[in-house]
Amino acid sequence: MFVRSLFLKIVTFGLLVLISLHLYSQTDEKPISIISFPEIPQKVCDLSKKINETSGIIYFEDHIWTFNDSGGKAEIYKIDSETGEIIQTVSLNNAKNTDWEDITHDEDYIYVGDFGNNLGDRKNLRIYKVNKSMIGDGKIEKVPSEIIAFSYNDQTTFTVNNRSNDYDCESLVSFGDSLIIFSKNWVDRKTRMYKMPKLAGMYQIDPISSFELNGLATGADFNVETNALILIGYTDKKPFLFYFKDFDGQQLGNHKVYKVLLNKMKGAQTEGVCWLNEETILFSTEQTSVYTQAVFQFNPMDVVKHIE
């Protein structure tokens, strides 16, 4: 609908500045290909002022869906992709927006991650599970939600450390019969990967992999058609994308990894990301002094093809 010629062929290969460096993750020895992208990706739309703290996105029923960050209502919003306005509001019963940070979905359910933890002291981490079949056609809908609660087995202290802890989280993906989350490490700038079932319940989870980002992870999505994992974030308000090829749900970095630096978007707070199709992603930015709340599109596959 709004995908245009693979983002005009990503401004052609001649505009790409490619830098191949040998960087290594904590768990693997494969090099990362770093790509400095010299343009601002195509904007799809500005978002309604009501969603100035957009924090995660999915693409479902040919529309973008998003929500507000901590302090917002326990609602997800269906967006008109042309105007950015809200065309449907879905309120989650049995839910509270303590610090909603990401959203994902599978064939039958939507999952909303209430696991933001800037202070590092939360003990009520959870993911809300919503049956898609319960969402009607009304402009305002109320739906029941189930709770998938969890705690980190490796967290031993809950002392308040505002933005100075490694147990924040803003990234969630659906992977087969599991949910996978990726930590946002304020201190060591890595990310840890945890896995849990999609069934309602309480789980104690252990990290199964870690990876050196040199930045903060703020969103992720897995492409079931291509087995590609995309992870978005920023370093000092300089956005980046990590593209993990042949992601197996067990390790980060055991296959080819590409890092795309969105240098022209300095000052943007990139938040949510999702696959639009097999090659194109959508990502959202929160309102800042430099950028409005908006959704952009980008084709990492087109970039990757030029250096494989």
Protein backbone atom coordinates (compact mmCIF):
# COMPACT_ATOMS: atom_id res chain seq x y z
CA MET A 1 0.00 0.00 0.00
CA PHE A 2 2.58 2.53 1.09
CA VAL A 3 5.68 0.52 0.15
CA ARG A 4 7.24 2.32 -2.79
CA SER A 5 9.70 0.54 -5.04
CA LEU A 6 11.78 -0.81 -2.17
CA PHE A 7 12.30 2.74 -0.89
CA LEU A 8 13.44 3.87 -4.33
CA LYS A 9 16.03 1.08 -4.27
CA ILE A 10 17.33 2.58 -1.00
CA VAL A 11 18.75 5.53 -2.87
CA THR A 12 20.87 3.07 -4.88
CA PHE A 13 23.96 1.21 -3.87
CA GLY A 14 26.16 4.20 -4.67
CA LEU A 15 24.78 6.15 -1.69
CA LEU A 16 25.59 3.46 0.82
CA VAL A 17 28.70 3.83 2.89
CA LEU A 18 29.81 0.34 3.83
CA ILE A 19 32.25 -0.36 6.61
CA SER A 20 33.32 -3.95 7.33
CA LEU A 21 34.70 -4.36 10.82
CA HIS A 22 35.42 -7.45 12.90
CA LEU A 23 33.36 -7.00 16.04
CA TYR A 24 32.42 -9.93 18.24
CA SER A 25 29.51 -10.88 20.48
CA GLN A 26 29.94 -12.39 23.88
CA THR A 27 28.70 -15.75 22.66
CA ASP A 28 30.12 -16.09 19.16
CA GLU A 29 33.07 -15.20 16.95
CA LYS A 30 31.29 -14.22 13.73
CA PRO A 31 32.06 -10.70 12.44
CA ILE A 32 29.44 -7.97 12.20
CA SER A 33 29.07 -6.02 8.96
CA ILE A 34 28.48 -2.38 9.81
CA ILE A 35 26.57 -0.25 7.31
CA SER A 36 26.40 3.52 7.64
CA PHE A 37 23.19 4.59 5.88
CA PRO A 38 23.41 8.24 4.75
CA GLU A 39 19.71 9.07 4.29
CA ILE A 40 16.59 9.46 6.42
CA PRO A 41 14.30 6.49 5.64
CA GLN A 42 10.93 7.18 4.08
CA LYS A 43 8.30 8.47 6.48
CA VAL A 44 4.98 6.60 6.29
CA CYS A 45 3.00 8.98 8.47
CA ASP A 46 3.06 11.19 11.52
CA LEU A 47 1.07 9.69 14.37
CA SER A 48 -1.84 11.23 16.24
CA LYS A 49 -0.82 13.58 19.05
CA LYS A 50 -2.58 11.15 21.37
CA ILE A 51 0.26 8.67 20.73
CA ASN A 52 3.21 10.94 21.43
CA GLU A 53 4.98 8.15 23.35
CA THR A 54 4.54 5.32 20.87
CA SER A 55 6.67 2.45 22.11
CA GLY A 56 5.97 -0.60 19.94
CA ILE A 57 4.23 -1.49 16.68
CA ILE A 58 2.80 -4.45 14.80
CA TYR A 59 1.28 -4.74 11.33
CA PHE A 60 -2.01 -6.63 11.50
CA GLU A 61 -5.11 -6.63 9.27
CA ASP A 62 -3.32 -4.31 6.83
CA HIS A 63 -2.91 -1.64 9.49
CA ILE A 64 -0.33 -0.39 11.96
CA TRP A 65 -1.14 -0.95 15.63
CA THR A 66 0.61 0.85 18.47
CA PHE A 67 0.17 2.15 22.04
CA ASN A 68 1.57 4.66 24.51
CA ASP A 69 4.41 4.14 26.97
CA SER A 70 4.19 4.19 30.79
CA GLY A 71 1.36 6.24 32.23
CA GLY A 72 -0.79 5.74 29.15
CA LYS A 73 -4.09 3.89 29.15
CA ALA A 74 -4.26 0.11 28.82
CA GLU A 75 -5.18 0.49 25.15
CA ILE A 76 -3.81 -0.40 21.75
CA TYR A 77 -4.63 1.68 18.69
CA LYS A 78 -5.34 0.76 15.10
CA ILE A 79 -3.86 3.44 12.83
CA ASP A 80 -4.79 4.83 9.44
CA SER A 81 -1.51 4.38 7.56
CA GLU A 82 -2.14 7.43 5.39
CA THR A 83 -3.09 9.98 8.05
CA GLY A 84 -1.63 8.48 11.22
CA GLU A 85 -4.96 8.98 12.99
CA ILE A 86 -6.55 6.42 15.32
CA ILE A 87 -9.37 4.49 13.69
CA GLN A 88 -9.97 1.96 16.46
CA THR A 89 -9.21 1.81 20.18
CA VAL A 90 -8.97 -1.58 21.89
CA SER A 91 -9.05 -1.44 25.68
CA LEU A 92 -7.58 -4.41 27.57
CA ASN A 93 -9.59 -5.58 30.56
CA ASN A 94 -7.61 -6.97 33.50
CA ALA A 95 -4.63 -4.87 32.41
CA LYS A 96 -2.70 -1.83 33.59
CA ASN A 97 -0.14 0.20 31.69
CA THR A 98 2.64 0.30 34.27
CA ASP A 99 5.30 0.56 31.57
CA TRP A 100 4.21 -0.95 28.26
CA GLU A 101 7.22 -1.22 25.96
CA ASP A 102 6.66 -3.61 23.04
CA ILE A 103 4.04 -5.61 21.20
CA THR A 104 4.09 -8.72 19.02
CA HIS A 105 1.59 -11.17 17.57
CA ASP A 106 1.09 -14.58 16.02
CA GLU A 107 -1.76 -16.07 14.03
CA ASP A 108 -4.22 -16.03 16.94
CA TYR A 109 -3.00 -13.65 19.64
CA ILE A 110 -1.52 -10.23 20.36
CA TYR A 111 1.02 -9.91 23.17
CA VAL A 112 1.78 -6.61 24.93
CA GLY A 113 4.92 -6.36 27.06
CA ASP A 114 4.49 -4.52 30.36
CA PHE A 115 8.10 -4.97 31.39
CA GLY A 116 9.72 -1.53 31.22
CA ASN A 117 12.02 -1.22 34.22
CA ASN A 118 14.00 2.02 34.18
CA LEU A 119 14.52 1.89 37.95
CA GLY A 120 15.55 -1.76 38.00
CA ASP A 121 13.28 -2.57 40.96
CA ARG A 122 10.12 -4.02 39.37
CA LYS A 123 8.73 -7.32 40.61
CA ASN A 124 5.52 -7.31 38.59
CA LEU A 125 6.85 -7.90 35.08
CA ARG A 126 4.21 -9.26 32.71
CA ILE A 127 2.96 -9.72 29.18
CA TYR A 128 -0.72 -9.34 28.32
CA LYS A 129 -2.19 -11.87 25.89
CA VAL A 130 -5.22 -10.91 23.78
CA ASN A 131 -7.21 -13.21 21.49
CA LYS A 132 -7.52 -11.55 18.08
CA SER A 133 -10.94 -13.09 17.53
CA MET A 134 -12.27 -11.03 20.46
CA ILE A 135 -11.56 -7.73 18.68
CA GLY A 136 -14.72 -6.58 16.94
CA ASP A 137 -15.29 -3.88 14.35
CA GLY A 138 -16.41 -1.08 16.65
CA LYS A 139 -14.50 2.16 16.96
CA ILE A 140 -14.04 1.37 20.65
CA GLU A 141 -13.68 -2.22 21.78
CA LYS A 142 -13.06 -3.84 25.16
CA VAL A 143 -11.41 -7.26 25.25
CA PRO A 144 -10.28 -9.65 27.99
CA SER A 145 -6.58 -10.30 28.50
CA GLU A 146 -4.59 -13.10 30.07
CA ILE A 147 -1.41 -12.53 32.07
CA ILE A 148 1.98 -14.10 31.42
CA ALA A 149 4.03 -13.03 34.46
CA PHE A 150 7.75 -13.57 34.86
CA SER A 151 10.87 -12.74 36.86
CA TYR A 152 14.58 -12.85 36.04
CA ASN A 153 16.43 -15.68 37.78
CA ASP A 154 19.71 -13.85 37.35
CA GLN A 155 18.56 -10.63 39.04
CA THR A 156 19.68 -10.66 42.67
CA THR A 157 19.25 -7.03 43.69
CA PHE A 158 16.26 -4.71 43.34
CA THR A 159 17.86 -1.49 44.53
CA VAL A 160 16.59 1.54 42.65
CA ASN A 161 19.09 2.51 39.95
CA ASN A 162 17.33 4.86 37.58
CA ARG A 163 18.64 4.18 34.06
CA SER A 164 21.70 2.61 35.67
CA ASN A 165 20.72 -1.05 35.69
CA ASP A 166 20.79 -3.97 33.25
CA TYR A 167 17.25 -5.30 33.88
CA ASP A 168 15.20 -2.93 31.79
CA CYS A 169 13.40 -4.45 28.78
CA GLU A 170 11.69 -3.00 25.69
CA SER A 171 11.78 -5.80 23.11
CA LEU A 172 9.45 -8.76 22.52
CA VAL A 173 9.06 -11.24 19.65
CA SER A 174 6.89 -14.26 18.91
CA PHE A 175 8.94 -17.35 18.05
CA GLY A 176 7.03 -20.59 17.48
CA ASP A 177 5.31 -21.57 20.73
CA SER A 178 7.50 -19.19 22.75
CA LEU A 179 7.92 -15.50 23.48
CA ILE A 180 11.44 -14.08 23.46
CA ILE A 181 12.46 -10.84 25.17
CA PHE A 182 15.68 -8.84 24.87
CA SER A 183 16.97 -6.75 27.77
CA LYS A 184 17.84 -3.06 27.56
CA ASN A 185 21.12 -2.79 29.45
CA TRP A 186 21.78 0.77 30.57
CA VAL A 187 25.18 -0.08 32.07
CA ASP A 188 27.07 -2.53 29.85
CA ARG A 189 25.15 -1.68 26.62
CA LYS A 190 24.61 -5.37 25.79
CA THR A 191 21.35 -7.29 25.46
CA ARG A 192 20.39 -10.61 27.03
CA MET A 193 17.86 -12.96 25.48
CA TYR A 194 15.23 -14.80 27.53
CA LYS A 195 12.51 -17.23 26.45
CA MET A 196 9.16 -18.21 28.00
CA PRO A 197 5.96 -20.06 26.99
CA LYS A 198 2.99 -18.27 25.48
CA LEU A 199 0.67 -19.74 28.11
CA ALA A 200 -0.73 -17.69 30.98
CA GLY A 201 1.18 -18.34 34.19
CA MET A 202 4.19 -17.28 36.25
CA TYR A 203 7.68 -18.06 34.97
CA GLN A 204 11.21 -17.68 36.32
CA ILE A 205 13.46 -17.19 33.33
CA ASP A 206 17.20 -17.46 32.72
CA PRO A 207 19.23 -15.73 30.00
CA ILE A 208 20.03 -18.05 27.10
CA SER A 209 22.28 -15.73 25.10
CA SER A 210 23.80 -12.26 25.17
CA PHE A 211 25.15 -9.88 22.55
CA GLU A 212 27.26 -6.73 22.46
CA LEU A 213 25.17 -3.87 21.04
CA ASN A 214 27.10 -0.86 22.26
CA GLY A 215 23.70 0.70 22.70
CA LEU A 216 20.16 0.35 24.04
CA ALA A 217 17.68 -2.14 22.57
CA THR A 218 14.21 -0.63 22.24
CA GLY A 219 12.27 -2.99 19.97
CA ALA A 220 12.44 -6.23 17.97
CA ASP A 221 10.53 -8.43 15.55
CA PHE A 222 11.03 -11.87 14.00
CA ASN A 223 10.13 -12.67 10.39
CA VAL A 224 8.72 -16.21 10.27
CA GLU A 225 9.07 -16.35 6.46
CA THR A 226 12.79 -15.52 6.30
CA ASN A 227 13.95 -16.40 9.85
CA ALA A 228 15.35 -12.87 10.17
CA LEU A 229 15.41 -11.04 13.48
CA ILE A 230 15.42 -7.25 13.47
CA LEU A 231 16.36 -5.30 16.58
CA ILE A 232 16.17 -1.51 16.87
CA GLY A 233 17.72 0.90 19.33
CA TYR A 234 20.06 3.82 19.72
CA THR A 235 23.36 4.97 21.16
CA ASP A 236 23.33 8.52 22.50
CA LYS A 237 20.20 9.20 20.45
CA LYS A 238 21.85 7.87 17.30
CA PRO A 239 19.52 5.14 15.96
CA PHE A 240 20.67 1.74 14.76
CA LEU A 241 19.22 -1.51 13.42
CA PHE A 242 20.62 -4.99 13.94
CA TYR A 243 19.69 -7.59 11.33
CA PHE A 244 20.32 -11.19 12.50
CA LYS A 245 20.22 -13.63 9.61
CA ASP A 246 18.95 -17.21 10.17
CA PHE A 247 17.94 -16.54 13.77
CA ASP A 248 17.36 -19.86 15.55
CA GLY A 249 15.82 -18.69 18.81
CA GLN A 250 18.77 -20.07 20.77
CA GLN A 251 21.67 -17.68 20.22
CA LEU A 252 22.36 -14.17 19.05
CA GLY A 253 25.22 -13.84 16.62
CA ASN A 254 25.75 -17.48 15.63
CA HIS A 255 24.90 -16.54 12.04
CA LYS A 256 25.61 -13.45 9.96
CA VAL A 257 24.85 -10.13 11.68
CA TYR A 258 24.50 -6.69 10.09
CA LYS A 259 24.37 -3.37 11.93
CA VAL A 260 22.80 -0.42 10.10
CA LEU A 261 23.61 3.03 11.48
CA LEU A 262 20.85 5.57 10.73
CA ASN A 263 23.24 8.50 11.02
CA LYS A 264 20.91 11.09 9.50
CA MET A 265 18.32 10.45 12.22
CA LYS A 266 20.41 11.74 15.12
CA GLY A 267 18.07 12.98 17.83
CA ALA A 268 15.34 10.47 17.01
CA GLN A 269 14.18 8.12 19.76
CA THR A 270 13.47 4.97 17.79
CA GLU A 271 11.08 2.72 19.71
CA GLY A 272 9.06 0.03 17.93
CA VAL A 273 9.82 -2.10 14.89
CA CYS A 274 7.95 -4.75 12.89
CA TRP A 275 8.20 -6.57 9.59
CA LEU A 276 5.78 -5.29 6.96
CA ASN A 277 6.64 -8.12 4.57
CA GLU A 278 9.59 -10.40 3.85
CA GLU A 279 11.95 -7.51 3.10
CA THR A 280 10.59 -4.27 4.54
CA ILE A 281 10.30 -3.09 8.12
CA LEU A 282 8.31 -0.33 9.80
CA PHE A 283 9.70 1.50 12.81
CA SER A 284 8.34 4.19 15.08
CA THR A 285 9.84 7.26 16.74
CA GLU A 286 8.68 8.84 19.97
CA GLN A 287 8.15 12.60 20.13
CA THR A 288 11.37 14.47 20.93
CA SER A 289 12.59 18.04 20.45
CA VAL A 290 13.91 16.97 17.04
CA TYR A 291 11.33 14.45 15.75
CA THR A 292 7.57 14.08 15.95
CA GLN A 293 5.90 10.78 16.79
CA ALA A 294 5.95 8.99 13.44
CA VAL A 295 6.33 5.73 11.52
CA PHE A 296 9.05 5.13 8.93
CA GLN A 297 9.73 2.31 6.51
CA PHE A 298 13.07 0.80 5.55
CA ASN A 299 14.35 -2.15 3.53
CA PRO A 300 17.32 -3.74 5.32
CA MET A 301 17.27 -6.65 2.88
CA ASP A 302 18.09 -4.34 -0.02
CA VAL A 303 21.09 -3.03 1.90
CA VAL A 304 22.25 -6.50 2.91
CA LYS A 305 22.06 -7.87 -0.65
CA HIS A 306 24.71 -5.39 -1.77
CA ILE A 307 27.36 -6.69 0.62
CA GLU A 308 26.66 -10.44 0.67
